[in-house]
C-alpha cells in the first residue's frame, strides 16, 4: 500500500466566514459524533494562499471527502474542491457549487482505470477547471495530460501555489503542517 490523503479546499479569501460556515454545519457535514454530543468535531483549517482555504479532518478519505464537499457546497457560496489520493494509484479532484458537481478530473494510469472498472469522471468540464484554478492554457494542457497521480499533485500544487500533500493524520508528525493549520473544535 502506498501513500494516501484526502483534503478539501474552498475558493475564498474570507477565512473567518469559512470557519463560521464549518462551525454552523459541522453536524450536517457528518463531522461530529452524533452519539456522543460531548465529543467535538476537530478540523484543521489554513488560508493556503490568497485564493484558497484548506480544510483537513480525520473523516476525510478517498470517497467520503467528495460527499462532504458536495454537502458543504450547499451551505457556502464559493467553489469547493475535494482531493483524494489513494495508494499512489489515483488522484481524484472534484468541484462543487450549490450542491452540484461542476467538474471532475481523475489522474491515473490506464491500467488503474481498467482495474477499477467504474473509475470514471462524473463531469468533465475543462473550461470550469481552467477558470476556477486561474491557470494559463499551456499550463492547464500540461497538467491534464498527466497520468501519474504523484506528478499531477505536484504540478497542480505548483500552479495553484498551495500544497495538496496534506492530511489530518499527518499533522502530529509534520511540524510544517502543525504550523500552517489551525485546530478548530466544533
C-alpha atoms as a PDB file:
ATOM      1  CA  UNK A   1       0.000   0.000   0.000  1.00  0.00           C
ATOM      2  CA  UNK A   2       1.193   3.434  -0.900  1.00  0.00           C
ATOM      3  CA  UNK A   3       0.618   6.870   0.476  1.00  0.00           C
ATOM      4  CA  UNK A   4      -2.947   8.251   0.636  1.00  0.00           C
ATOM      5  CA  UNK A   5      -4.537  11.551   1.594  1.00  0.00           C
ATOM      6  CA  UNK A   6      -7.811  13.456   1.331  1.00  0.00           C
ATOM      7  CA  UNK A   7      -8.488  17.137   1.814  1.00  0.00           C
ATOM      8  CA  UNK A   8     -10.929  19.871   0.929  1.00  0.00           C
ATOM      9  CA  UNK A   9     -10.333  23.385  -0.393  1.00  0.00           C
ATOM     10  CA  UNK A  10     -12.675  26.355  -0.634  1.00  0.00           C
ATOM     11  CA  UNK A  11     -12.004  29.133  -3.113  1.00  0.00           C
ATOM     12  CA  UNK A  12     -12.396  32.041  -0.727  1.00  0.00           C
ATOM     13  CA  UNK A  13     -10.480  34.999   0.620  1.00  0.00           C
ATOM     14  CA  UNK A  14     -12.548  35.132   3.836  1.00  0.00           C
ATOM     15  CA  UNK A  15     -11.146  32.721   6.436  1.00  0.00           C
ATOM     16  CA  UNK A  16     -13.450  33.868   9.239  1.00  0.00           C
ATOM     17  CA  UNK A  17     -16.618  33.410   7.164  1.00  0.00           C
ATOM     18  CA  UNK A  18     -15.450  29.963   6.041  1.00  0.00           C
ATOM     19  CA  UNK A  19     -14.749  28.865   9.623  1.00  0.00           C
ATOM     20  CA  UNK A  20     -18.183  30.119  10.679  1.00  0.00           C
ATOM     21  CA  UNK A  21     -19.873  28.064   7.928  1.00  0.00           C
ATOM     22  CA  UNK A  22     -17.900  24.995   9.007  1.00  0.00           C
ATOM     23  CA  UNK A  23     -18.920  25.601  12.634  1.00  0.00           C
ATOM     24  CA  UNK A  24     -22.611  26.080  11.750  1.00  0.00           C
ATOM     25  CA  UNK A  25     -22.789  22.963   9.613  1.00  0.00           C
ATOM     26  CA  UNK A  26     -20.354  20.528  11.287  1.00  0.00           C
ATOM     27  CA  UNK A  27     -23.151  18.098  12.212  1.00  0.00           C
ATOM     28  CA  UNK A  28     -24.768  18.264   8.773  1.00  0.00           C
ATOM     29  CA  UNK A  29     -21.393  17.589   7.206  1.00  0.00           C
ATOM     30  CA  UNK A  30     -21.038  14.431   9.282  1.00  0.00           C
ATOM     31  CA  UNK A  31     -18.012  15.793  11.063  1.00  0.00           C
ATOM     32  CA  UNK A  32     -19.293  15.405  14.582  1.00  0.00           C
ATOM     33  CA  UNK A  33     -20.184  12.372  16.605  1.00  0.00           C
ATOM     34  CA  UNK A  34     -23.972  12.381  16.969  1.00  0.00           C
ATOM     35  CA  UNK A  35     -23.991   9.618  19.607  1.00  0.00           C
ATOM     36  CA  UNK A  36     -21.753  11.487  21.993  1.00  0.00           C
ATOM     37  CA  UNK A  37     -22.605  15.181  21.973  1.00  0.00           C
ATOM     38  CA  UNK A  38     -19.710  15.955  24.307  1.00  0.00           C
ATOM     39  CA  UNK A  39     -17.196  14.920  21.627  1.00  0.00           C
ATOM     40  CA  UNK A  40     -16.446  17.792  19.304  1.00  0.00           C
ATOM     41  CA  UNK A  41     -15.522  17.648  15.641  1.00  0.00           C
ATOM     42  CA  UNK A  42     -11.886  18.585  15.144  1.00  0.00           C
ATOM     43  CA  UNK A  43     -10.916  20.250  11.890  1.00  0.00           C
ATOM     44  CA  UNK A  44      -7.705  21.861  10.774  1.00  0.00           C
ATOM     45  CA  UNK A  45      -8.058  24.976   8.651  1.00  0.00           C
ATOM     46  CA  UNK A  46      -5.464  27.037   6.804  1.00  0.00           C
ATOM     47  CA  UNK A  47      -5.549  30.017   4.480  1.00  0.00           C
ATOM     48  CA  UNK A  48      -3.262  28.304   1.980  1.00  0.00           C
ATOM     49  CA  UNK A  49      -2.904  31.359  -0.230  1.00  0.00           C
ATOM     50  CA  UNK A  50      -4.863  34.499  -1.145  1.00  0.00           C
ATOM     51  CA  UNK A  51      -7.489  32.453  -3.028  1.00  0.00           C
ATOM     52  CA  UNK A  52      -7.852  29.111  -1.244  1.00  0.00           C
ATOM     53  CA  UNK A  53      -8.698  27.908   2.253  1.00  0.00           C
ATOM     54  CA  UNK A  54      -7.757  24.300   3.047  1.00  0.00           C
ATOM     55  CA  UNK A  55      -9.647  22.036   5.463  1.00  0.00           C
ATOM     56  CA  UNK A  56      -8.457  18.748   6.971  1.00  0.00           C
ATOM     57  CA  UNK A  57     -10.452  16.293   9.069  1.00  0.00           C
ATOM     58  CA  UNK A  58      -9.811  12.680  10.050  1.00  0.00           C
ATOM     59  CA  UNK A  59     -13.148  11.704   8.445  1.00  0.00           C
ATOM     60  CA  UNK A  60     -11.777  12.740   5.042  1.00  0.00           C
ATOM     61  CA  UNK A  61     -10.653   9.748   2.995  1.00  0.00           C
ATOM     62  CA  UNK A  62     -10.969   8.963  -0.694  1.00  0.00           C
ATOM     63  CA  UNK A  63     -14.721   8.731  -1.211  1.00  0.00           C
ATOM     64  CA  UNK A  64     -16.003  10.490   1.919  1.00  0.00           C
ATOM     65  CA  UNK A  65     -14.282  13.798   1.164  1.00  0.00           C
ATOM     66  CA  UNK A  66     -16.226  14.057  -2.089  1.00  0.00           C
ATOM     67  CA  UNK A  67     -19.547  13.574  -0.244  1.00  0.00           C
ATOM     68  CA  UNK A  68     -18.605  16.246   2.307  1.00  0.00           C
ATOM     69  CA  UNK A  69     -17.572  18.654  -0.472  1.00  0.00           C
ATOM     70  CA  UNK A  70     -20.948  18.249  -2.138  1.00  0.00           C
ATOM     71  CA  UNK A  71     -22.836  18.906   1.122  1.00  0.00           C
ATOM     72  CA  UNK A  72     -20.587  21.833   2.112  1.00  0.00           C
ATOM     73  CA  UNK A  73     -21.137  23.488  -1.275  1.00  0.00           C
ATOM     74  CA  UNK A  74     -24.863  23.705  -0.434  1.00  0.00           C
ATOM     75  CA  UNK A  75     -24.001  25.959   2.519  1.00  0.00           C
ATOM     76  CA  UNK A  76     -21.184  28.091   1.155  1.00  0.00           C
ATOM     77  CA  UNK A  77     -21.230  30.432  -1.808  1.00  0.00           C
ATOM     78  CA  UNK A  78     -17.774  29.620  -3.153  1.00  0.00           C
ATOM     79  CA  UNK A  79     -16.480  26.674  -5.207  1.00  0.00           C
ATOM     80  CA  UNK A  80     -15.427  23.656  -3.136  1.00  0.00           C
ATOM     81  CA  UNK A  81     -12.646  21.391  -4.400  1.00  0.00           C
ATOM     82  CA  UNK A  82     -12.106  17.945  -2.917  1.00  0.00           C
ATOM     83  CA  UNK A  83      -8.903  15.988  -3.399  1.00  0.00           C
ATOM     84  CA  UNK A  84      -8.470  12.280  -2.813  1.00  0.00           C
ATOM     85  CA  UNK A  85      -5.217  10.426  -3.398  1.00  0.00           C
ATOM     86  CA  UNK A  86      -5.299   6.669  -2.940  1.00  0.00           C
ATOM     87  CA  UNK A  87      -2.341   4.320  -2.649  1.00  0.00           C
ATOM     88  CA  UNK A  88      -0.315   6.333  -5.165  1.00  0.00           C
ATOM     89  CA  UNK A  89      -2.624   4.959  -7.883  1.00  0.00           C
ATOM     90  CA  UNK A  90      -5.425   7.535  -8.114  1.00  0.00           C
ATOM     91  CA  UNK A  91      -5.647  11.314  -7.694  1.00  0.00           C
ATOM     92  CA  UNK A  92      -9.248  12.495  -7.906  1.00  0.00           C
ATOM     93  CA  UNK A  93     -10.330  16.139  -7.905  1.00  0.00           C
ATOM     94  CA  UNK A  94     -13.998  17.102  -7.724  1.00  0.00           C
ATOM     95  CA  UNK A  95     -15.562  20.577  -7.752  1.00  0.00           C
ATOM     96  CA  UNK A  96     -18.933  21.537  -6.342  1.00  0.00           C
ATOM     97  CA  UNK A  97     -21.115  24.632  -6.245  1.00  0.00           C
ATOM     98  CA  UNK A  98     -24.614  24.855  -4.781  1.00  0.00           C
ATOM     99  CA  UNK A  99     -24.649  21.110  -4.091  1.00  0.00           C
ATOM    100  CA  UNK A 100     -23.917  20.180  -7.700  1.00  0.00           C
ATOM    101  CA  UNK A 101     -20.791  18.745  -9.244  1.00  0.00           C
ATOM    102  CA  UNK A 102     -19.261  21.222 -11.681  1.00  0.00           C
ATOM    103  CA  UNK A 103     -16.182  19.316 -12.819  1.00  0.00           C
ATOM    104  CA  UNK A 104     -14.078  16.317 -12.012  1.00  0.00           C
ATOM    105  CA  UNK A 105     -10.685  15.070 -13.108  1.00  0.00           C
ATOM    106  CA  UNK A 106      -9.069  11.737 -12.245  1.00  0.00           C
ATOM    107  CA  UNK A 107      -5.338  11.315 -12.744  1.00  0.00           C
ATOM    108  CA  UNK A 108      -4.208   7.707 -13.050  1.00  0.00           C
ATOM    109  CA  UNK A 109      -2.612   5.255 -15.425  1.00  0.00           C
ATOM    110  CA  UNK A 110      -4.834   3.376 -17.876  1.00  0.00           C
ATOM    111  CA  UNK A 111      -4.219   0.066 -16.086  1.00  0.00           C
ATOM    112  CA  UNK A 112      -5.718   1.640 -12.935  1.00  0.00           C
ATOM    113  CA  UNK A 113      -8.854   2.675 -14.808  1.00  0.00           C
ATOM    114  CA  UNK A 114      -9.078  -0.858 -16.180  1.00  0.00           C
ATOM    115  CA  UNK A 115      -8.618  -2.390 -12.721  1.00  0.00           C
ATOM    116  CA  UNK A 116     -11.224  -0.121 -11.080  1.00  0.00           C
ATOM    117  CA  UNK A 117     -13.957  -0.716 -13.641  1.00  0.00           C
ATOM    118  CA  UNK A 118     -16.150   2.181 -12.559  1.00  0.00           C
ATOM    119  CA  UNK A 119     -13.350   4.757 -12.207  1.00  0.00           C
ATOM    120  CA  UNK A 120     -14.642   7.494 -14.493  1.00  0.00           C
ATOM    121  CA  UNK A 121     -15.110  11.221 -14.196  1.00  0.00           C
ATOM    122  CA  UNK A 122     -18.641  12.153 -13.214  1.00  0.00           C
ATOM    123  CA  UNK A 123     -18.448  15.527 -15.003  1.00  0.00           C
ATOM    124  CA  UNK A 124     -15.673  16.566 -17.372  1.00  0.00           C
ATOM    125  CA  UNK A 125     -15.633  20.345 -17.692  1.00  0.00           C
ATOM    126  CA  UNK A 126     -12.185  21.646 -18.563  1.00  0.00           C
ATOM    127  CA  UNK A 127     -13.408  25.224 -19.046  1.00  0.00           C
ATOM    128  CA  UNK A 128     -14.620  25.270 -15.453  1.00  0.00           C
ATOM    129  CA  UNK A 129     -11.314  23.850 -14.168  1.00  0.00           C
ATOM    130  CA  UNK A 130      -9.252  26.356 -16.108  1.00  0.00           C
ATOM    131  CA  UNK A 131     -11.390  29.209 -14.751  1.00  0.00           C
ATOM    132  CA  UNK A 132     -11.510  28.125 -11.087  1.00  0.00           C
ATOM    133  CA  UNK A 133      -7.775  27.378 -10.961  1.00  0.00           C
ATOM    134  CA  UNK A 134      -6.985  30.543 -12.934  1.00  0.00           C
ATOM    135  CA  UNK A 135      -4.062  28.990 -14.803  1.00  0.00           C
ATOM    136  CA  UNK A 136      -2.737  29.609 -18.295  1.00  0.00           C
ATOM    137  CA  UNK A 137      -3.894  27.381 -21.163  1.00  0.00           C
ATOM    138  CA  UNK A 138      -0.417  25.884 -21.729  1.00  0.00           C
ATOM    139  CA  UNK A 139      -0.018  25.002 -18.037  1.00  0.00           C
ATOM    140  CA  UNK A 140      -3.536  23.582 -17.975  1.00  0.00           C
ATOM    141  CA  UNK A 141      -2.877  21.387 -21.009  1.00  0.00           C
ATOM    142  CA  UNK A 142       0.367  20.148 -19.444  1.00  0.00           C
ATOM    143  CA  UNK A 143      -1.488  19.311 -16.228  1.00  0.00           C
ATOM    144  CA  UNK A 144      -4.434  17.430 -17.705  1.00  0.00           C
ATOM    145  CA  UNK A 145      -2.159  15.370 -19.944  1.00  0.00           C
ATOM    146  CA  UNK A 146      -0.513  13.785 -16.882  1.00  0.00           C
ATOM    147  CA  UNK A 147      -1.395  10.215 -15.955  1.00  0.00           C
ATOM    148  CA  UNK A 148       0.894   9.906 -12.928  1.00  0.00           C
ATOM    149  CA  UNK A 149      -1.062  10.816  -9.780  1.00  0.00           C
ATOM    150  CA  UNK A 150       2.087  11.993  -7.989  1.00  0.00           C
ATOM    151  CA  UNK A 151       3.140  14.224 -10.875  1.00  0.00           C
ATOM    152  CA  UNK A 152      -0.386  15.660 -11.096  1.00  0.00           C
ATOM    153  CA  UNK A 153      -0.414  16.534  -7.370  1.00  0.00           C
ATOM    154  CA  UNK A 154       2.996  18.188  -7.662  1.00  0.00           C
ATOM    155  CA  UNK A 155       2.103  20.116 -10.829  1.00  0.00           C
ATOM    156  CA  UNK A 156      -1.252  21.340  -9.531  1.00  0.00           C
ATOM    157  CA  UNK A 157       0.306  22.319  -6.183  1.00  0.00           C
ATOM    158  CA  UNK A 158       2.836  24.401  -8.097  1.00  0.00           C
ATOM    159  CA  UNK A 159       0.225  26.001 -10.374  1.00  0.00           C
ATOM    160  CA  UNK A 160      -2.257  26.984  -7.647  1.00  0.00           C
ATOM    161  CA  UNK A 161       0.550  27.833  -5.203  1.00  0.00           C
ATOM    162  CA  UNK A 162      -0.555  25.615  -2.337  1.00  0.00           C
ATOM    163  CA  UNK A 163       0.411  22.154  -1.198  1.00  0.00           C
ATOM    164  CA  UNK A 164      -2.145  19.455  -1.801  1.00  0.00           C
ATOM    165  CA  UNK A 165       0.053  16.944   0.069  1.00  0.00           C
ATOM    166  CA  UNK A 166      -1.890  17.323   3.320  1.00  0.00           C
ATOM    167  CA  UNK A 167      -3.969  15.076   5.524  1.00  0.00           C
ATOM    168  CA  UNK A 168      -5.261  15.371   9.097  1.00  0.00           C
ATOM    169  CA  UNK A 169      -3.447  12.154  10.080  1.00  0.00           C
ATOM    170  CA  UNK A 170      -0.095  13.723   9.183  1.00  0.00           C
ATOM    171  CA  UNK A 171      -0.384  16.755  11.483  1.00  0.00           C
ATOM    172  CA  UNK A 172       1.057  15.099  14.639  1.00  0.00           C
ATOM    173  CA  UNK A 173       4.145  14.054  12.652  1.00  0.00           C
ATOM    174  CA  UNK A 174       4.740  17.106  10.457  1.00  0.00           C
ATOM    175  CA  UNK A 175       5.937  20.373  12.023  1.00  0.00           C
ATOM    176  CA  UNK A 176       5.184  22.355   8.846  1.00  0.00           C
ATOM    177  CA  UNK A 177       1.546  21.219   8.834  1.00  0.00           C
ATOM    178  CA  UNK A 178       1.182  21.919  12.569  1.00  0.00           C
ATOM    179  CA  UNK A 179       2.409  25.459  11.940  1.00  0.00           C
ATOM    180  CA  UNK A 180       0.305  26.032   8.818  1.00  0.00           C
ATOM    181  CA  UNK A 181      -3.050  24.638  10.048  1.00  0.00           C
ATOM    182  CA  UNK A 182      -5.046  25.922  12.996  1.00  0.00           C
ATOM    183  CA  UNK A 183      -7.067  23.415  15.012  1.00  0.00           C
ATOM    184  CA  UNK A 184     -10.787  24.127  15.448  1.00  0.00           C
ATOM    185  CA  UNK A 185     -13.185  22.157  17.639  1.00  0.00           C
ATOM    186  CA  UNK A 186     -16.859  22.393  16.724  1.00  0.00           C
END
